[in-house]
């Protein structure tokens, strides 16, 4: 899905974080039920508004519907055990 989204966006996706071990998750301050622990999440580097829009639009077209927006990244996941169609800010 990420590769599909990257193709739709037409810009590179720099993945800051994908699958994490429990120790990696603790080190970076991830929550105990992080979707990264199960391979459902990725954090994509992004620092400007235009790229943020392009990336989120492409991720949506590719089928993602869970987004967390930080100053320098976009968290995206498709965790089947969490509520769909949500967004939040860090």
N, C-alpha and C. Protein backbone atom coordinates (compact mmCIF):
# COMPACT_ATOMS: atom_id res chain seq x y z
N UNK A 1 0.82 -1.20 0.00
CA UNK A 1 0.00 0.00 0.00
C UNK A 1 0.86 1.26 0.00
N UNK A 2 1.97 1.21 0.75
CA UNK A 2 2.86 2.37 0.77
C UNK A 2 3.48 2.62 -0.60
N UNK A 3 3.86 1.55 -1.26
CA UNK A 3 4.44 1.72 -2.59
C UNK A 3 3.41 2.26 -3.57
N UNK A 4 2.18 1.80 -3.47
CA UNK A 4 1.10 2.34 -4.30
C UNK A 4 0.93 3.84 -4.04
N UNK A 5 0.92 4.22 -2.76
CA UNK A 5 0.76 5.63 -2.40
C UNK A 5 1.90 6.47 -2.92
N UNK A 6 3.12 5.96 -2.83
CA UNK A 6 4.28 6.70 -3.34
C UNK A 6 4.15 6.92 -4.84
N UNK A 7 3.69 5.91 -5.56
CA UNK A 7 3.48 6.06 -6.99
C UNK A 7 2.42 7.09 -7.32
N UNK A 8 1.35 7.10 -6.55
CA UNK A 8 0.28 8.07 -6.74
C UNK A 8 0.79 9.48 -6.46
N UNK A 9 1.56 9.62 -5.37
CA UNK A 9 2.08 10.94 -4.97
C UNK A 9 3.09 11.48 -5.98
N UNK A 10 3.87 10.60 -6.55
CA UNK A 10 4.89 11.04 -7.49
C UNK A 10 6.07 11.73 -6.85
N UNK A 11 6.21 11.56 -5.53
CA UNK A 11 7.36 12.11 -4.81
C UNK A 11 7.93 11.01 -3.93
N UNK A 12 9.21 11.09 -3.57
CA UNK A 12 9.81 10.05 -2.72
C UNK A 12 9.20 10.04 -1.33
N UNK A 13 9.10 8.88 -0.74
CA UNK A 13 8.70 8.71 0.65
C UNK A 13 9.94 8.27 1.42
N UNK A 14 10.38 9.08 2.37
CA UNK A 14 11.48 8.68 3.26
C UNK A 14 10.83 8.14 4.53
N UNK A 15 10.99 6.86 4.77
CA UNK A 15 10.37 6.21 5.93
C UNK A 15 11.29 6.39 7.14
N UNK A 16 10.80 7.12 8.14
CA UNK A 16 11.56 7.31 9.38
C UNK A 16 11.48 6.08 10.26
N UNK A 17 10.33 5.43 10.27
CA UNK A 17 10.11 4.30 11.16
C UNK A 17 9.06 3.39 10.56
N UNK A 18 9.32 2.10 10.60
CA UNK A 18 8.36 1.10 10.15
C UNK A 18 8.11 0.13 11.29
N UNK A 19 8.38 -1.16 11.05
CA UNK A 19 8.24 -2.14 12.12
C UNK A 19 9.25 -1.83 13.22
N UNK A 20 8.78 -1.93 14.47
CA UNK A 20 9.66 -1.71 15.62
C UNK A 20 9.60 -2.90 16.57
N UNK A 21 10.75 -3.20 17.16
CA UNK A 21 10.77 -4.16 18.27
C UNK A 21 10.25 -3.42 19.51
N UNK A 22 9.96 -4.16 20.56
CA UNK A 22 9.48 -3.51 21.79
C UNK A 22 10.52 -2.54 22.34
N UNK A 23 11.80 -2.92 22.29
CA UNK A 23 12.84 -2.02 22.82
C UNK A 23 12.97 -0.76 21.95
N UNK A 24 12.89 -0.91 20.63
CA UNK A 24 12.93 0.28 19.76
C UNK A 24 11.74 1.18 20.04
N UNK A 25 10.58 0.58 20.23
CA UNK A 25 9.37 1.35 20.48
C UNK A 25 9.48 2.13 21.78
N UNK A 26 10.00 1.50 22.82
CA UNK A 26 10.19 2.19 24.10
C UNK A 26 11.20 3.32 23.96
N UNK A 27 12.29 3.06 23.23
CA UNK A 27 13.35 4.05 23.06
C UNK A 27 12.83 5.32 22.39
N UNK A 28 11.95 5.18 21.41
CA UNK A 28 11.47 6.37 20.70
C UNK A 28 10.18 6.93 21.30
N UNK A 29 9.73 6.39 22.41
CA UNK A 29 8.57 6.94 23.10
C UNK A 29 7.24 6.47 22.55
N UNK A 30 7.24 5.35 21.83
CA UNK A 30 5.99 4.82 21.29
C UNK A 30 5.07 4.28 22.37
N UNK A 31 3.78 4.29 22.09
CA UNK A 31 2.79 3.78 23.05
C UNK A 31 2.85 2.25 23.10
N UNK A 32 2.34 1.68 24.19
CA UNK A 32 2.48 0.24 24.40
C UNK A 32 1.72 -0.60 23.37
N UNK A 33 0.68 -0.05 22.77
CA UNK A 33 -0.06 -0.81 21.76
C UNK A 33 0.20 -0.24 20.35
N UNK A 34 1.39 0.28 20.14
CA UNK A 34 1.75 0.90 18.86
C UNK A 34 1.53 -0.05 17.69
N UNK A 35 0.96 0.47 16.64
CA UNK A 35 0.77 -0.32 15.41
C UNK A 35 2.11 -0.67 14.76
N UNK A 36 3.17 0.06 15.11
CA UNK A 36 4.51 -0.27 14.62
C UNK A 36 4.96 -1.65 15.12
N UNK A 37 4.52 -2.04 16.30
CA UNK A 37 4.92 -3.31 16.88
C UNK A 37 4.41 -4.51 16.09
N UNK A 38 3.38 -4.30 15.29
CA UNK A 38 2.74 -5.38 14.56
C UNK A 38 2.94 -5.25 13.04
N UNK A 39 3.74 -4.26 12.64
CA UNK A 39 4.02 -4.08 11.23
C UNK A 39 2.91 -3.40 10.45
N UNK A 40 2.00 -2.71 11.14
CA UNK A 40 0.89 -2.04 10.49
C UNK A 40 1.14 -0.56 10.24
N UNK A 41 2.25 0.00 10.71
CA UNK A 41 2.43 1.45 10.68
C UNK A 41 3.77 1.86 10.07
N UNK A 42 3.78 3.09 9.56
CA UNK A 42 5.01 3.71 9.08
C UNK A 42 4.93 5.20 9.39
N UNK A 43 6.08 5.79 9.64
CA UNK A 43 6.21 7.23 9.79
C UNK A 43 6.99 7.74 8.59
N UNK A 44 6.39 8.68 7.85
CA UNK A 44 6.97 9.20 6.63
C UNK A 44 7.46 10.62 6.90
N UNK A 45 8.73 10.87 6.58
CA UNK A 45 9.32 12.19 6.78
C UNK A 45 8.59 13.23 5.93
N UNK A 46 8.23 14.35 6.54
CA UNK A 46 7.55 15.42 5.82
C UNK A 46 7.61 16.69 6.66
N UNK A 47 8.07 17.78 6.05
CA UNK A 47 8.21 19.02 6.82
C UNK A 47 7.53 20.23 6.20
N UNK A 48 6.84 20.06 5.06
CA UNK A 48 6.17 21.22 4.49
C UNK A 48 4.71 20.89 4.15
N UNK A 49 3.89 21.91 4.12
CA UNK A 49 2.45 21.75 3.97
C UNK A 49 2.05 21.14 2.63
N UNK A 50 2.68 21.56 1.56
CA UNK A 50 2.32 21.05 0.24
C UNK A 50 2.61 19.56 0.14
N UNK A 51 3.80 19.14 0.55
CA UNK A 51 4.14 17.71 0.53
C UNK A 51 3.21 16.93 1.44
N UNK A 52 2.89 17.50 2.59
CA UNK A 52 1.98 16.83 3.53
C UNK A 52 0.64 16.54 2.88
N UNK A 53 0.10 17.52 2.16
CA UNK A 53 -1.17 17.31 1.48
C UNK A 53 -1.05 16.22 0.41
N UNK A 54 -0.01 16.31 -0.41
CA UNK A 54 0.19 15.33 -1.49
C UNK A 54 0.32 13.93 -0.92
N UNK A 55 1.09 13.78 0.15
CA UNK A 55 1.30 12.46 0.74
C UNK A 55 0.01 11.91 1.34
N UNK A 56 -0.69 12.71 2.11
CA UNK A 56 -1.94 12.24 2.73
C UNK A 56 -2.98 11.91 1.67
N UNK A 57 -3.08 12.72 0.64
CA UNK A 57 -4.02 12.43 -0.44
C UNK A 57 -3.69 11.09 -1.09
N UNK A 58 -2.42 10.87 -1.38
CA UNK A 58 -2.00 9.61 -2.00
C UNK A 58 -2.23 8.42 -1.08
N UNK A 59 -1.93 8.59 0.20
CA UNK A 59 -2.17 7.51 1.16
C UNK A 59 -3.65 7.16 1.23
N UNK A 60 -4.50 8.16 1.20
CA UNK A 60 -5.95 7.94 1.21
C UNK A 60 -6.38 7.18 -0.05
N UNK A 61 -5.89 7.61 -1.19
CA UNK A 61 -6.23 6.92 -2.44
C UNK A 61 -5.76 5.47 -2.44
N UNK A 62 -4.66 5.20 -1.75
CA UNK A 62 -4.12 3.83 -1.68
C UNK A 62 -4.87 2.97 -0.67
N UNK A 63 -5.76 3.58 0.14
CA UNK A 63 -6.58 2.79 1.05
C UNK A 63 -6.33 3.00 2.53
N UNK A 64 -5.38 3.84 2.89
CA UNK A 64 -5.15 4.12 4.31
C UNK A 64 -6.21 5.08 4.83
N UNK A 65 -6.54 4.96 6.14
CA UNK A 65 -7.51 5.90 6.71
C UNK A 65 -7.22 6.24 8.17
N UNK A 66 -5.98 6.06 8.59
CA UNK A 66 -5.54 6.44 9.94
C UNK A 66 -4.26 7.26 9.80
N UNK A 67 -4.30 8.52 10.25
CA UNK A 67 -3.17 9.43 10.06
C UNK A 67 -2.87 10.20 11.34
N UNK A 68 -1.59 10.27 11.68
CA UNK A 68 -1.12 11.12 12.76
C UNK A 68 -0.17 12.14 12.15
N UNK A 69 -0.37 13.40 12.46
CA UNK A 69 0.43 14.46 11.85
C UNK A 69 1.37 15.08 12.88
N UNK A 70 2.64 15.00 12.60
CA UNK A 70 3.65 15.63 13.44
C UNK A 70 4.33 16.76 12.67
N UNK A 71 5.20 17.50 13.33
CA UNK A 71 5.90 18.60 12.67
C UNK A 71 6.81 18.12 11.54
N UNK A 72 7.38 16.94 11.69
CA UNK A 72 8.36 16.47 10.71
C UNK A 72 8.02 15.10 10.11
N UNK A 73 6.81 14.61 10.37
CA UNK A 73 6.45 13.29 9.84
C UNK A 73 4.93 13.13 9.78
N UNK A 74 4.54 12.12 9.00
CA UNK A 74 3.15 11.67 8.96
C UNK A 74 3.16 10.21 9.37
N UNK A 75 2.42 9.91 10.42
CA UNK A 75 2.22 8.52 10.82
C UNK A 75 1.02 8.01 10.02
N UNK A 76 1.16 6.82 9.46
CA UNK A 76 0.04 6.18 8.76
C UNK A 76 0.00 4.72 9.20
N UNK A 77 -1.21 4.21 9.38
CA UNK A 77 -1.32 2.79 9.67
C UNK A 77 -2.63 2.23 9.15
N UNK A 78 -2.67 0.92 9.07
CA UNK A 78 -3.87 0.21 8.66
C UNK A 78 -4.16 -0.91 9.67
N UNK A 79 -4.01 -0.58 10.94
CA UNK A 79 -4.19 -1.54 12.03
C UNK A 79 -5.66 -1.97 12.09
N UNK A 80 -5.93 -3.26 11.85
CA UNK A 80 -7.32 -3.72 11.85
C UNK A 80 -7.97 -3.73 13.23
N UNK A 81 -7.17 -3.59 14.28
CA UNK A 81 -7.70 -3.62 15.65
C UNK A 81 -7.98 -2.24 16.21
N UNK A 82 -7.83 -1.20 15.38
CA UNK A 82 -8.06 0.17 15.85
C UNK A 82 -9.13 0.84 15.00
N UNK A 83 -9.73 1.89 15.57
CA UNK A 83 -10.80 2.60 14.86
C UNK A 83 -10.30 3.15 13.53
N UNK A 84 -11.07 2.93 12.45
CA UNK A 84 -10.71 3.50 11.17
C UNK A 84 -11.18 4.94 11.05
N UNK A 85 -10.70 5.61 10.00
CA UNK A 85 -11.13 6.96 9.65
C UNK A 85 -10.89 7.97 10.79
N UNK A 86 -9.64 8.00 11.25
CA UNK A 86 -9.26 8.94 12.30
C UNK A 86 -7.98 9.66 11.91
N UNK A 87 -7.82 10.85 12.47
CA UNK A 87 -6.56 11.57 12.34
C UNK A 87 -6.30 12.29 13.66
N UNK A 88 -5.05 12.53 13.92
CA UNK A 88 -4.66 13.20 15.17
C UNK A 88 -3.36 13.96 14.92
N UNK A 89 -3.03 14.82 15.86
CA UNK A 89 -1.77 15.56 15.78
C UNK A 89 -0.91 15.21 16.99
N UNK A 90 0.39 15.34 16.81
CA UNK A 90 1.34 15.10 17.88
C UNK A 90 1.82 16.41 18.45
